[in-house]
């Protein structure tokens, strides 16, 4: 089930729509000018590759279309693609590589923790970064990263959707909140807790972090069982969520399970199997009716033979917004791109 924050819906549609106006304005021979180097950073391998690869491919499709039309003001787009495996310690190296390679802007990163780790490097280099999926609220709301943008709603908007759905439609009164201790998962869990407590919407019977990558989550599952919670709100990604849900159902627990866009992925269903049935997850608004979205989805299907994965539409929006801003600015200078 797709529950979406309005901010994400508006932002995705508007940024995608701006791309409709730039294609016909490219001029000149894209091979004759110095390339516009754009970094693409995210998880392209490992457990979370299903989140990062659609963004890399979205950027590739947008770049191919732009270059076929003559480039950005005559300059070809050159993508510098780097894999951060959604790990903070690797993301810093990824950012350093992209800056050293001459990236003028970056599409990414994918995971909030990796994005948070990489941003100080981009801040120092004064480079525009636009993410299709990093939702940690502080990334934009703290004011610490003025050149960071995103085409997805922040965690607090997503948490509000989760809480309103859990309390309103599912009518849960006792809620256990579990998270993976990461910037994304813990941040969303804390936002959900604050919304529930500030509004006295329900009783939080458990708030606990787990260790990502563990084989067995029976200890936290047993805690959830003892609380007799009506519902679990989980902040984190599908590898951990699938294990927790599976262990809950094997104990014949009927506790409702509601999670975030880190779980809204086909991989969760494949791994969870029959135990994935009945799980709810939030995700970006459906913009598939948008003609530009539809065009890029069709191009993806033709090239890769499968449906685009998570955050593809947001990544198309990010790539179009960024490249169009460079075109309108007539420059790769950060201040001019930011103004546009």
C-alpha atoms as a PDB file:
ATOM      1  CA  UNK A   1       0.000   0.000   0.000  1.00  0.00           C
ATOM      2  CA  UNK A   2       1.345   3.397  -0.975  1.00  0.00           C
ATOM      3  CA  UNK A   3       0.829   6.183   1.548  1.00  0.00           C
ATOM      4  CA  UNK A   4       2.363   9.440   0.394  1.00  0.00           C
ATOM      5  CA  UNK A   5       3.144  12.815   1.879  1.00  0.00           C
ATOM      6  CA  UNK A   6       1.753  15.722  -0.149  1.00  0.00           C
ATOM      7  CA  UNK A   7       5.114  17.494  -0.235  1.00  0.00           C
ATOM      8  CA  UNK A   8       6.663  14.593  -2.132  1.00  0.00           C
ATOM      9  CA  UNK A   9       3.764  14.521  -4.603  1.00  0.00           C
ATOM     10  CA  UNK A  10       3.982  18.227  -5.401  1.00  0.00           C
ATOM     11  CA  UNK A  11       7.763  18.316  -5.545  1.00  0.00           C
ATOM     12  CA  UNK A  12       8.077  15.305  -7.817  1.00  0.00           C
ATOM     13  CA  UNK A  13       5.491  16.559 -10.287  1.00  0.00           C
ATOM     14  CA  UNK A  14       6.843  20.093 -10.399  1.00  0.00           C
ATOM     15  CA  UNK A  15      10.477  19.178 -10.887  1.00  0.00           C
ATOM     16  CA  UNK A  16       9.632  16.612 -13.541  1.00  0.00           C
ATOM     17  CA  UNK A  17       7.440  19.140 -15.310  1.00  0.00           C
ATOM     18  CA  UNK A  18      10.234  21.710 -15.518  1.00  0.00           C
ATOM     19  CA  UNK A  19      12.149  19.227 -17.642  1.00  0.00           C
ATOM     20  CA  UNK A  20       9.501  19.442 -20.344  1.00  0.00           C
ATOM     21  CA  UNK A  21      10.802  22.801 -21.503  1.00  0.00           C
ATOM     22  CA  UNK A  22      14.505  22.235 -22.032  1.00  0.00           C
ATOM     23  CA  UNK A  23      14.845  19.478 -24.607  1.00  0.00           C
ATOM     24  CA  UNK A  24      14.192  21.575 -27.682  1.00  0.00           C
ATOM     25  CA  UNK A  25      16.594  24.326 -26.613  1.00  0.00           C
ATOM     26  CA  UNK A  26      19.860  22.374 -26.874  1.00  0.00           C
ATOM     27  CA  UNK A  27      22.122  23.671 -29.599  1.00  0.00           C
ATOM     28  CA  UNK A  28      25.470  22.887 -31.151  1.00  0.00           C
ATOM     29  CA  UNK A  29      27.556  19.747 -31.394  1.00  0.00           C
ATOM     30  CA  UNK A  30      27.725  17.958 -28.035  1.00  0.00           C
ATOM     31  CA  UNK A  31      31.090  16.479 -29.023  1.00  0.00           C
ATOM     32  CA  UNK A  32      32.738  19.853 -29.561  1.00  0.00           C
ATOM     33  CA  UNK A  33      32.613  21.279 -26.020  1.00  0.00           C
ATOM     34  CA  UNK A  34      34.089  20.288 -22.674  1.00  0.00           C
ATOM     35  CA  UNK A  35      31.716  17.846 -20.983  1.00  0.00           C
ATOM     36  CA  UNK A  36      29.512  18.738 -18.041  1.00  0.00           C
ATOM     37  CA  UNK A  37      30.602  16.205 -15.417  1.00  0.00           C
ATOM     38  CA  UNK A  38      27.837  15.036 -13.096  1.00  0.00           C
ATOM     39  CA  UNK A  39      28.481  12.527 -10.323  1.00  0.00           C
ATOM     40  CA  UNK A  40      26.012   9.744  -9.591  1.00  0.00           C
ATOM     41  CA  UNK A  41      26.530   8.226  -6.146  1.00  0.00           C
ATOM     42  CA  UNK A  42      24.611   5.439  -4.468  1.00  0.00           C
ATOM     43  CA  UNK A  43      24.368   1.755  -3.672  1.00  0.00           C
ATOM     44  CA  UNK A  44      25.087  -0.143  -6.881  1.00  0.00           C
ATOM     45  CA  UNK A  45      26.038  -3.382  -5.122  1.00  0.00           C
ATOM     46  CA  UNK A  46      25.173  -5.119  -1.870  1.00  0.00           C
ATOM     47  CA  UNK A  47      21.829  -5.582  -0.101  1.00  0.00           C
ATOM     48  CA  UNK A  48      20.533  -2.109  -1.023  1.00  0.00           C
ATOM     49  CA  UNK A  49      21.539  -2.065  -4.693  1.00  0.00           C
ATOM     50  CA  UNK A  50      17.860  -2.307  -5.632  1.00  0.00           C
ATOM     51  CA  UNK A  51      17.530   1.275  -4.347  1.00  0.00           C
ATOM     52  CA  UNK A  52      20.633   2.711  -6.007  1.00  0.00           C
ATOM     53  CA  UNK A  53      20.667   1.135  -9.475  1.00  0.00           C
ATOM     54  CA  UNK A  54      17.358   2.697 -10.626  1.00  0.00           C
ATOM     55  CA  UNK A  55      18.831   6.148  -9.894  1.00  0.00           C
ATOM     56  CA  UNK A  56      22.022   5.427 -11.828  1.00  0.00           C
ATOM     57  CA  UNK A  57      19.956   4.211 -14.774  1.00  0.00           C
ATOM     58  CA  UNK A  58      17.605   7.200 -14.574  1.00  0.00           C
ATOM     59  CA  UNK A  59      20.592   9.550 -14.786  1.00  0.00           C
ATOM     60  CA  UNK A  60      21.945   7.511 -17.691  1.00  0.00           C
ATOM     61  CA  UNK A  61      18.674   7.733 -19.625  1.00  0.00           C
ATOM     62  CA  UNK A  62      18.382  11.488 -19.049  1.00  0.00           C
ATOM     63  CA  UNK A  63      22.013  12.028 -20.090  1.00  0.00           C
ATOM     64  CA  UNK A  64      21.560   9.920 -23.228  1.00  0.00           C
ATOM     65  CA  UNK A  65      18.483  11.922 -24.208  1.00  0.00           C
ATOM     66  CA  UNK A  66      20.202  15.251 -23.590  1.00  0.00           C
ATOM     67  CA  UNK A  67      23.312  14.265 -25.536  1.00  0.00           C
ATOM     68  CA  UNK A  68      21.218  12.998 -28.435  1.00  0.00           C
ATOM     69  CA  UNK A  69      19.646  16.473 -28.598  1.00  0.00           C
ATOM     70  CA  UNK A  70      23.019  18.264 -28.645  1.00  0.00           C
ATOM     71  CA  UNK A  71      23.951  18.398 -24.960  1.00  0.00           C
ATOM     72  CA  UNK A  72      23.532  21.217 -22.471  1.00  0.00           C
ATOM     73  CA  UNK A  73      24.123  24.389 -24.447  1.00  0.00           C
ATOM     74  CA  UNK A  74      26.365  22.373 -26.766  1.00  0.00           C
ATOM     75  CA  UNK A  75      28.264  20.541 -24.040  1.00  0.00           C
ATOM     76  CA  UNK A  76      27.805  16.775 -23.546  1.00  0.00           C
ATOM     77  CA  UNK A  77      26.830  15.347 -20.183  1.00  0.00           C
ATOM     78  CA  UNK A  78      29.398  12.951 -18.754  1.00  0.00           C
ATOM     79  CA  UNK A  79      28.326  10.814 -15.804  1.00  0.00           C
ATOM     80  CA  UNK A  80      30.818   9.808 -13.122  1.00  0.00           C
ATOM     81  CA  UNK A  81      29.211   6.824 -11.404  1.00  0.00           C
ATOM     82  CA  UNK A  82      30.444   5.681  -7.989  1.00  0.00           C
ATOM     83  CA  UNK A  83      29.194   2.922  -5.666  1.00  0.00           C
ATOM     84  CA  UNK A  84      28.953   3.769  -1.952  1.00  0.00           C
ATOM     85  CA  UNK A  85      27.091   0.548  -0.972  1.00  0.00           C
ATOM     86  CA  UNK A  86      24.962   2.807   1.265  1.00  0.00           C
ATOM     87  CA  UNK A  87      27.756   2.781   3.848  1.00  0.00           C
ATOM     88  CA  UNK A  88      28.924   6.069   5.454  1.00  0.00           C
ATOM     89  CA  UNK A  89      32.567   5.026   5.619  1.00  0.00           C
ATOM     90  CA  UNK A  90      32.581   4.296   1.878  1.00  0.00           C
ATOM     91  CA  UNK A  91      30.472   7.333   0.980  1.00  0.00           C
ATOM     92  CA  UNK A  92      33.216   9.699   2.138  1.00  0.00           C
ATOM     93  CA  UNK A  93      35.660   8.049  -0.271  1.00  0.00           C
ATOM     94  CA  UNK A  94      33.030   8.155  -3.001  1.00  0.00           C
ATOM     95  CA  UNK A  95      32.533  11.888  -2.506  1.00  0.00           C
ATOM     96  CA  UNK A  96      36.270  12.527  -2.523  1.00  0.00           C
ATOM     97  CA  UNK A  97      36.628  10.603  -5.795  1.00  0.00           C
ATOM     98  CA  UNK A  98      33.832  12.565  -7.461  1.00  0.00           C
ATOM     99  CA  UNK A  99      35.235  15.927  -6.359  1.00  0.00           C
ATOM    100  CA  UNK A 100      38.724  14.929  -7.522  1.00  0.00           C
ATOM    101  CA  UNK A 101      37.343  13.747 -10.871  1.00  0.00           C
ATOM    102  CA  UNK A 102      35.854  17.183 -11.524  1.00  0.00           C
ATOM    103  CA  UNK A 103      32.148  16.596 -10.872  1.00  0.00           C
ATOM    104  CA  UNK A 104      30.306  19.916 -11.072  1.00  0.00           C
ATOM    105  CA  UNK A 105      27.231  18.508  -9.327  1.00  0.00           C
ATOM    106  CA  UNK A 106      26.114  15.186  -7.863  1.00  0.00           C
ATOM    107  CA  UNK A 107      22.912  13.161  -8.092  1.00  0.00           C
ATOM    108  CA  UNK A 108      22.756  11.144  -4.864  1.00  0.00           C
ATOM    109  CA  UNK A 109      23.462   9.766  -2.447  1.00  0.00           C
ATOM    110  CA  UNK A 110      20.700   7.220  -1.886  1.00  0.00           C
ATOM    111  CA  UNK A 111      20.761   6.385   1.835  1.00  0.00           C
ATOM    112  CA  UNK A 112      20.536   9.115   4.452  1.00  0.00           C
ATOM    113  CA  UNK A 113      23.532   7.910   6.472  1.00  0.00           C
ATOM    114  CA  UNK A 114      25.761   7.822   3.385  1.00  0.00           C
ATOM    115  CA  UNK A 115      24.479  11.220   2.289  1.00  0.00           C
ATOM    116  CA  UNK A 116      25.135  12.718   5.718  1.00  0.00           C
ATOM    117  CA  UNK A 117      28.695  11.368   5.711  1.00  0.00           C
ATOM    118  CA  UNK A 118      29.446  12.665   2.215  1.00  0.00           C
ATOM    119  CA  UNK A 119      27.927  16.140   2.497  1.00  0.00           C
ATOM    120  CA  UNK A 120      30.790  17.813   4.421  1.00  0.00           C
ATOM    121  CA  UNK A 121      33.095  16.948   1.506  1.00  0.00           C
ATOM    122  CA  UNK A 122      30.702  18.426  -1.030  1.00  0.00           C
ATOM    123  CA  UNK A 123      30.111  21.436   1.226  1.00  0.00           C
ATOM    124  CA  UNK A 124      33.826  22.147   1.330  1.00  0.00           C
ATOM    125  CA  UNK A 125      34.062  21.790  -2.451  1.00  0.00           C
ATOM    126  CA  UNK A 126      30.915  23.948  -2.874  1.00  0.00           C
ATOM    127  CA  UNK A 127      29.134  21.412  -5.083  1.00  0.00           C
ATOM    128  CA  UNK A 128      25.384  21.058  -5.681  1.00  0.00           C
ATOM    129  CA  UNK A 129      24.012  17.707  -4.485  1.00  0.00           C
ATOM    130  CA  UNK A 130      20.469  16.511  -5.241  1.00  0.00           C
ATOM    131  CA  UNK A 131      19.146  13.227  -3.834  1.00  0.00           C
ATOM    132  CA  UNK A 132      16.084  11.303  -4.993  1.00  0.00           C
ATOM    133  CA  UNK A 133      15.780   9.319  -1.785  1.00  0.00           C
ATOM    134  CA  UNK A 134      17.727  10.583   1.254  1.00  0.00           C
ATOM    135  CA  UNK A 135      14.914  11.523   3.629  1.00  0.00           C
ATOM    136  CA  UNK A 136      16.595  12.323   6.961  1.00  0.00           C
ATOM    137  CA  UNK A 137      14.834  15.546   7.946  1.00  0.00           C
ATOM    138  CA  UNK A 138      17.942  17.376   9.159  1.00  0.00           C
ATOM    139  CA  UNK A 139      19.674  17.103   5.781  1.00  0.00           C
ATOM    140  CA  UNK A 140      17.633  20.067   4.580  1.00  0.00           C
ATOM    141  CA  UNK A 141      16.001  21.435   7.714  1.00  0.00           C
ATOM    142  CA  UNK A 142      19.150  21.967   9.790  1.00  0.00           C
ATOM    143  CA  UNK A 143      20.444  24.630   7.405  1.00  0.00           C
ATOM    144  CA  UNK A 144      23.899  23.041   7.562  1.00  0.00           C
ATOM    145  CA  UNK A 145      23.995  22.057   3.900  1.00  0.00           C
ATOM    146  CA  UNK A 146      22.831  24.973   1.721  1.00  0.00           C
ATOM    147  CA  UNK A 147      23.783  23.256  -1.562  1.00  0.00           C
ATOM    148  CA  UNK A 148      21.824  20.069  -0.825  1.00  0.00           C
ATOM    149  CA  UNK A 149      18.464  19.429  -2.483  1.00  0.00           C
ATOM    150  CA  UNK A 150      16.106  16.469  -2.768  1.00  0.00           C
ATOM    151  CA  UNK A 151      13.119  15.360  -4.809  1.00  0.00           C
ATOM    152  CA  UNK A 152      11.495  13.384  -2.008  1.00  0.00           C
ATOM    153  CA  UNK A 153       9.654  14.344   1.163  1.00  0.00           C
ATOM    154  CA  UNK A 154      11.665  14.426   4.423  1.00  0.00           C
ATOM    155  CA  UNK A 155      11.268  11.864   7.194  1.00  0.00           C
ATOM    156  CA  UNK A 156       8.944  13.972   9.307  1.00  0.00           C
ATOM    157  CA  UNK A 157       6.407  14.108   6.454  1.00  0.00           C
ATOM    158  CA  UNK A 158       6.734  10.369   5.906  1.00  0.00           C
ATOM    159  CA  UNK A 159       6.456   9.694   9.642  1.00  0.00           C
ATOM    160  CA  UNK A 160       3.259  11.748   9.764  1.00  0.00           C
ATOM    161  CA  UNK A 161       1.771   9.608   6.982  1.00  0.00           C
ATOM    162  CA  UNK A 162       2.747   6.432   8.831  1.00  0.00           C
ATOM    163  CA  UNK A 163       1.349   7.604  12.164  1.00  0.00           C
ATOM    164  CA  UNK A 164      -1.887   8.961  10.717  1.00  0.00           C
ATOM    165  CA  UNK A 165      -2.484   5.722   8.840  1.00  0.00           C
ATOM    166  CA  UNK A 166      -1.578   3.502  11.795  1.00  0.00           C
ATOM    167  CA  UNK A 167      -3.694   5.379  14.326  1.00  0.00           C
ATOM    168  CA  UNK A 168      -6.464   6.559  12.010  1.00  0.00           C
ATOM    169  CA  UNK A 169      -7.181   3.791   9.536  1.00  0.00           C
ATOM    170  CA  UNK A 170      -5.718   0.814  11.387  1.00  0.00           C
ATOM    171  CA  UNK A 171      -6.931   2.174  14.751  1.00  0.00           C
ATOM    172  CA  UNK A 172      -3.865   0.985  16.660  1.00  0.00           C
ATOM    173  CA  UNK A 173      -3.758   2.190  20.252  1.00  0.00           C
ATOM    174  CA  UNK A 174      -0.591   0.456  21.501  1.00  0.00           C
ATOM    175  CA  UNK A 175       2.421   0.912  19.240  1.00  0.00           C
ATOM    176  CA  UNK A 176       5.924  -0.539  19.319  1.00  0.00           C
ATOM    177  CA  UNK A 177       8.490   1.549  17.417  1.00  0.00           C
ATOM    178  CA  UNK A 178      11.599  -0.287  16.200  1.00  0.00           C
ATOM    179  CA  UNK A 179      14.503   1.184  14.229  1.00  0.00           C
ATOM    180  CA  UNK A 180      17.891   0.206  12.789  1.00  0.00           C
ATOM    181  CA  UNK A 181      19.882   2.896  14.678  1.00  0.00           C
ATOM    182  CA  UNK A 182      20.797   4.634  11.395  1.00  0.00           C
ATOM    183  CA  UNK A 183      20.252   8.270  10.417  1.00  0.00           C
ATOM    184  CA  UNK A 184      17.319   7.255   8.220  1.00  0.00           C
ATOM    185  CA  UNK A 185      15.611   4.587  10.309  1.00  0.00           C
ATOM    186  CA  UNK A 186      16.206   6.077  13.747  1.00  0.00           C
ATOM    187  CA  UNK A 187      15.370   9.556  12.471  1.00  0.00           C
ATOM    188  CA  UNK A 188      12.030   8.376  11.118  1.00  0.00           C
ATOM    189  CA  UNK A 189      11.303   6.453  14.311  1.00  0.00           C
ATOM    190  CA  UNK A 190      12.035   9.510  16.448  1.00  0.00           C
ATOM    191  CA  UNK A 191       9.807  11.655  14.225  1.00  0.00           C
ATOM    192  CA  UNK A 192       6.993   9.109  14.583  1.00  0.00           C
ATOM    193  CA  UNK A 193       7.433   8.992  18.359  1.00  0.00           C
ATOM    194  CA  UNK A 194       7.317  12.792  18.612  1.00  0.00           C
ATOM    195  CA  UNK A 195       4.144  13.005  16.516  1.00  0.00           C
ATOM    196  CA  UNK A 196       2.427  10.352  18.622  1.00  0.00           C
ATOM    197  CA  UNK A 197       3.498  11.828  21.947  1.00  0.00           C
ATOM    198  CA  UNK A 198       2.831  15.473  21.040  1.00  0.00           C
ATOM    199  CA  UNK A 199      -0.661  14.612  19.859  1.00  0.00           C
ATOM    200  CA  UNK A 200      -1.355  11.994  22.543  1.00  0.00           C
ATOM    201  CA  UNK A 201      -2.487   9.805  19.656  1.00  0.00           C
ATOM    202  CA  UNK A 202      -1.581   6.402  21.095  1.00  0.00           C
ATOM    203  CA  UNK A 203       0.551   4.667  23.719  1.00  0.00           C
ATOM    204  CA  UNK A 204       4.135   3.808  22.766  1.00  0.00           C
ATOM    205  CA  UNK A 205       4.791   0.509  24.513  1.00  0.00           C
ATOM    206  CA  UNK A 206       8.317  -0.023  23.130  1.00  0.00           C
ATOM    207  CA  UNK A 207      10.983   2.108  21.455  1.00  0.00           C
ATOM    208  CA  UNK A 208      14.085   0.137  20.580  1.00  0.00           C
ATOM    209  CA  UNK A 209      16.960  -0.066  18.131  1.00  0.00           C
ATOM    210  CA  UNK A 210      18.267  -3.229  16.499  1.00  0.00           C
ATOM    211  CA  UNK A 211      21.633  -4.097  14.974  1.00  0.00           C
ATOM    212  CA  UNK A 212      21.529  -4.148  11.140  1.00  0.00           C
ATOM    213  CA  UNK A 213      22.781  -7.325   9.515  1.00  0.00           C
ATOM    214  CA  UNK A 214      22.007  -9.616  12.444  1.00  0.00           C
ATOM    215  CA  UNK A 215      20.750 -13.111  11.660  1.00  0.00           C
ATOM    216  CA  UNK A 216      18.330 -13.386  14.549  1.00  0.00           C
ATOM    217  CA  UNK A 217      15.916 -10.759  15.886  1.00  0.00           C
ATOM    218  CA  UNK A 218      14.021 -13.062  18.236  1.00  0.00           C
ATOM    219  CA  UNK A 219      14.917 -10.940  21.293  1.00  0.00           C
ATOM    220  CA  UNK A 220      13.165  -7.824  19.999  1.00  0.00           C
ATOM    221  CA  UNK A 221      10.325  -9.922  18.572  1.00  0.00           C
ATOM    222  CA  UNK A 222       9.776 -11.405  22.029  1.00  0.00           C
ATOM    223  CA  UNK A 223       9.740  -7.898  23.545  1.00  0.00           C
ATOM    224  CA  UNK A 224       7.100  -6.834  21.012  1.00  0.00           C
ATOM    225  CA  UNK A 225       5.043  -9.902  21.872  1.00  0.00           C
ATOM    226  CA  UNK A 226       5.204  -9.183  25.609  1.00  0.00           C
ATOM    227  CA  UNK A 227       3.948  -5.599  25.115  1.00  0.00           C
ATOM    228  CA  UNK A 228       0.836  -6.874  23.281  1.00  0.00           C
ATOM    229  CA  UNK A 229       1.288  -4.040  20.803  1.00  0.00           C
ATOM    230  CA  UNK A 230      -1.446  -3.532  18.198  1.00  0.00           C
ATOM    231  CA  UNK A 231       1.126  -2.412  15.648  1.00  0.00           C
ATOM    232  CA  UNK A 232       4.842  -2.123  14.957  1.00  0.00           C
ATOM    233  CA  UNK A 233       6.237   0.946  13.212  1.00  0.00           C
ATOM    234  CA  UNK A 234       9.647   0.089  11.796  1.00  0.00           C
ATOM    235  CA  UNK A 235      12.238   2.621  10.647  1.00  0.00           C
ATOM    236  CA  UNK A 236      14.852   1.020   8.425  1.00  0.00           C
ATOM    237  CA  UNK A 237      15.454  -1.106   5.338  1.00  0.00           C
ATOM    238  CA  UNK A 238      14.063  -4.310   3.875  1.00  0.00           C
ATOM    239  CA  UNK A 239      16.806  -6.805   4.927  1.00  0.00           C
ATOM    240  CA  UNK A 240      16.026  -6.293   8.619  1.00  0.00           C
ATOM    241  CA  UNK A 241      12.284  -5.767   8.144  1.00  0.00           C
ATOM    242  CA  UNK A 242      11.870  -9.063   6.279  1.00  0.00           C
ATOM    243  CA  UNK A 243      13.624 -10.981   9.080  1.00  0.00           C
ATOM    244  CA  UNK A 244      11.595  -9.323  11.836  1.00  0.00           C
ATOM    245  CA  UNK A 245       8.273  -9.880  10.078  1.00  0.00           C
ATOM    246  CA  UNK A 246       9.150 -13.508   9.307  1.00  0.00           C
ATOM    247  CA  UNK A 247      10.046 -14.222  12.930  1.00  0.00           C
ATOM    248  CA  UNK A 248       6.895 -12.469  14.164  1.00  0.00           C
ATOM    249  CA  UNK A 249       4.640 -14.511  11.905  1.00  0.00           C
ATOM    250  CA  UNK A 250       6.396 -17.765  12.767  1.00  0.00           C
ATOM    251  CA  UNK A 251       5.489 -17.015  16.392  1.00  0.00           C
ATOM    252  CA  UNK A 252       1.912 -16.579  15.166  1.00  0.00           C
ATOM    253  CA  UNK A 253       1.897 -12.902  16.076  1.00  0.00           C
ATOM    254  CA  UNK A 254      -0.796 -10.971  14.231  1.00  0.00           C
ATOM    255  CA  UNK A 255       0.623  -7.582  15.202  1.00  0.00           C
ATOM    256  CA  UNK A 256       0.286  -5.088  12.346  1.00  0.00           C
ATOM    257  CA  UNK A 257       3.567  -4.060  10.699  1.00  0.00           C
ATOM    258  CA  UNK A 258       3.944  -0.625   9.112  1.00  0.00           C
ATOM    259  CA  UNK A 259       7.175   0.678   7.660  1.00  0.00           C
ATOM    260  CA  UNK A 260       8.766   3.193   5.309  1.00  0.00           C
ATOM    261  CA  UNK A 261      10.082   3.585   1.769  1.00  0.00           C
ATOM    262  CA  UNK A 262      13.172   1.634   2.817  1.00  0.00           C
ATOM    263  CA  UNK A 263      10.891  -1.411   2.832  1.00  0.00           C
ATOM    264  CA  UNK A 264       8.679  -0.553  -0.133  1.00  0.00           C
ATOM    265  CA  UNK A 265      10.624  -2.688  -2.582  1.00  0.00           C
ATOM    266  CA  UNK A 266      10.046  -5.946  -4.438  1.00  0.00           C
ATOM    267  CA  UNK A 267      13.081  -7.404  -2.681  1.00  0.00           C
ATOM    268  CA  UNK A 268      11.200  -7.261   0.624  1.00  0.00           C
ATOM    269  CA  UNK A 269       8.389  -9.331  -0.879  1.00  0.00           C
ATOM    270  CA  UNK A 270      10.811 -11.832  -2.446  1.00  0.00           C
ATOM    271  CA  UNK A 271      12.721 -12.324   0.805  1.00  0.00           C
ATOM    272  CA  UNK A 272       9.705 -12.220   3.111  1.00  0.00           C
ATOM    273  CA  UNK A 273       7.637 -14.513   0.913  1.00  0.00           C
ATOM    274  CA  UNK A 274       4.248 -15.362   2.370  1.00  0.00           C
ATOM    275  CA  UNK A 275       5.140 -13.491   5.563  1.00  0.00           C
ATOM    276  CA  UNK A 276       5.272 -10.197   3.653  1.00  0.00           C
ATOM    277  CA  UNK A 277       1.520 -10.380   3.117  1.00  0.00           C
ATOM    278  CA  UNK A 278      -0.333  -7.669   5.025  1.00  0.00           C
ATOM    279  CA  UNK A 279       2.675  -5.395   5.620  1.00  0.00           C
ATOM    280  CA  UNK A 280       2.143  -1.691   4.914  1.00  0.00           C
ATOM    281  CA  UNK A 281       4.823   0.695   3.666  1.00  0.00           C
ATOM    282  CA  UNK A 282       4.954   4.360   2.721  1.00  0.00           C
ATOM    283  CA  UNK A 283       6.525   5.551  -0.492  1.00  0.00           C
ATOM    284  CA  UNK A 284       6.792   8.486  -2.907  1.00  0.00           C
ATOM    285  CA  UNK A 285       3.586   9.568  -4.582  1.00  0.00           C
ATOM    286  CA  UNK A 286       2.577   7.815  -7.798  1.00  0.00           C
ATOM    287  CA  UNK A 287       3.471  10.162 -10.670  1.00  0.00           C
ATOM    288  CA  UNK A 288       3.237   7.516 -13.397  1.00  0.00           C
ATOM    289  CA  UNK A 289       0.509   9.498 -15.165  1.00  0.00           C
ATOM    290  CA  UNK A 290       2.947  12.349 -15.810  1.00  0.00           C
ATOM    291  CA  UNK A 291       3.870  12.206 -19.534  1.00  0.00           C
ATOM    292  CA  UNK A 292       7.580  12.756 -18.887  1.00  0.00           C
ATOM    293  CA  UNK A 293       7.626  10.075 -16.194  1.00  0.00           C
ATOM    294  CA  UNK A 294       5.835   7.730 -18.584  1.00  0.00           C
ATOM    295  CA  UNK A 295       8.350   8.413 -21.356  1.00  0.00           C
ATOM    296  CA  UNK A 296      11.313   7.583 -19.142  1.00  0.00           C
ATOM    297  CA  UNK A 297       9.626   4.508 -17.731  1.00  0.00           C
ATOM    298  CA  UNK A 298       9.026   3.226 -21.245  1.00  0.00           C
ATOM    299  CA  UNK A 299      12.660   3.920 -22.147  1.00  0.00           C
ATOM    300  CA  UNK A 300      13.772   1.979 -19.066  1.00  0.00           C
ATOM    301  CA  UNK A 301      11.574  -0.995 -19.936  1.00  0.00           C
ATOM    302  CA  UNK A 302      12.880  -1.014 -23.505  1.00  0.00           C
ATOM    303  CA  UNK A 303      16.515  -0.904 -22.390  1.00  0.00           C
ATOM    304  CA  UNK A 304      16.449  -3.190 -19.336  1.00  0.00           C
ATOM    305  CA  UNK A 305      13.369  -5.345 -19.889  1.00  0.00           C
ATOM    306  CA  UNK A 306      12.019  -4.843 -16.358  1.00  0.00           C
ATOM    307  CA  UNK A 307      10.015  -2.253 -14.448  1.00  0.00           C
ATOM    308  CA  UNK A 308      12.054   0.568 -12.867  1.00  0.00           C
ATOM    309  CA  UNK A 309      12.788   0.053  -9.188  1.00  0.00           C
ATOM    310  CA  UNK A 310      12.364   2.359  -6.170  1.00  0.00           C
ATOM    311  CA  UNK A 311      13.036   6.084  -6.484  1.00  0.00           C
ATOM    312  CA  UNK A 312      13.363   5.949 -10.284  1.00  0.00           C
ATOM    313  CA  UNK A 313      10.786   8.706 -10.805  1.00  0.00           C
ATOM    314  CA  UNK A 314      12.422  10.851  -8.123  1.00  0.00           C
ATOM    315  CA  UNK A 315      15.786  10.302  -9.807  1.00  0.00           C
ATOM    316  CA  UNK A 316      14.437  11.350 -13.198  1.00  0.00           C
ATOM    317  CA  UNK A 317      13.067  14.477 -11.525  1.00  0.00           C
ATOM    318  CA  UNK A 318      16.440  15.153  -9.903  1.00  0.00           C
ATOM    319  CA  UNK A 319      18.376  14.668 -13.148  1.00  0.00           C
ATOM    320  CA  UNK A 320      15.993  16.886 -15.115  1.00  0.00           C
ATOM    321  CA  UNK A 321      15.913  19.617 -12.470  1.00  0.00           C
ATOM    322  CA  UNK A 322      19.701  19.656 -12.226  1.00  0.00           C
ATOM    323  CA  UNK A 323      20.492  19.598 -15.953  1.00  0.00           C
ATOM    324  CA  UNK A 324      17.789  22.130 -16.735  1.00  0.00           C
ATOM    325  CA  UNK A 325      19.167  24.459 -14.053  1.00  0.00           C
ATOM    326  CA  UNK A 326      22.651  24.196 -15.588  1.00  0.00           C
ATOM    327  CA  UNK A 327      21.192  24.986 -19.001  1.00  0.00           C
ATOM    328  CA  UNK A 328      19.194  27.989 -17.812  1.00  0.00           C
ATOM    329  CA  UNK A 329      22.085  29.272 -15.712  1.00  0.00           C
ATOM    330  CA  UNK A 330      24.389  28.900 -18.703  1.00  0.00           C
ATOM    331  CA  UNK A 331      27.056  27.840 -16.236  1.00  0.00           C
ATOM    332  CA  UNK A 332      28.298  25.061 -13.975  1.00  0.00           C
ATOM    333  CA  UNK A 333      29.089  27.513 -11.209  1.00  0.00           C
ATOM    334  CA  UNK A 334      27.348  26.423  -8.023  1.00  0.00           C
ATOM    335  CA  UNK A 335      25.928  29.830  -7.121  1.00  0.00           C
ATOM    336  CA  UNK A 336      24.343  30.250 -10.561  1.00  0.00           C
ATOM    337  CA  UNK A 337      22.899  26.735 -10.584  1.00  0.00           C
ATOM    338  CA  UNK A 338      21.528  27.233  -7.073  1.00  0.00           C
ATOM    339  CA  UNK A 339      19.884  30.516  -8.035  1.00  0.00           C
ATOM    340  CA  UNK A 340      18.192  28.812 -10.987  1.00  0.00           C
END
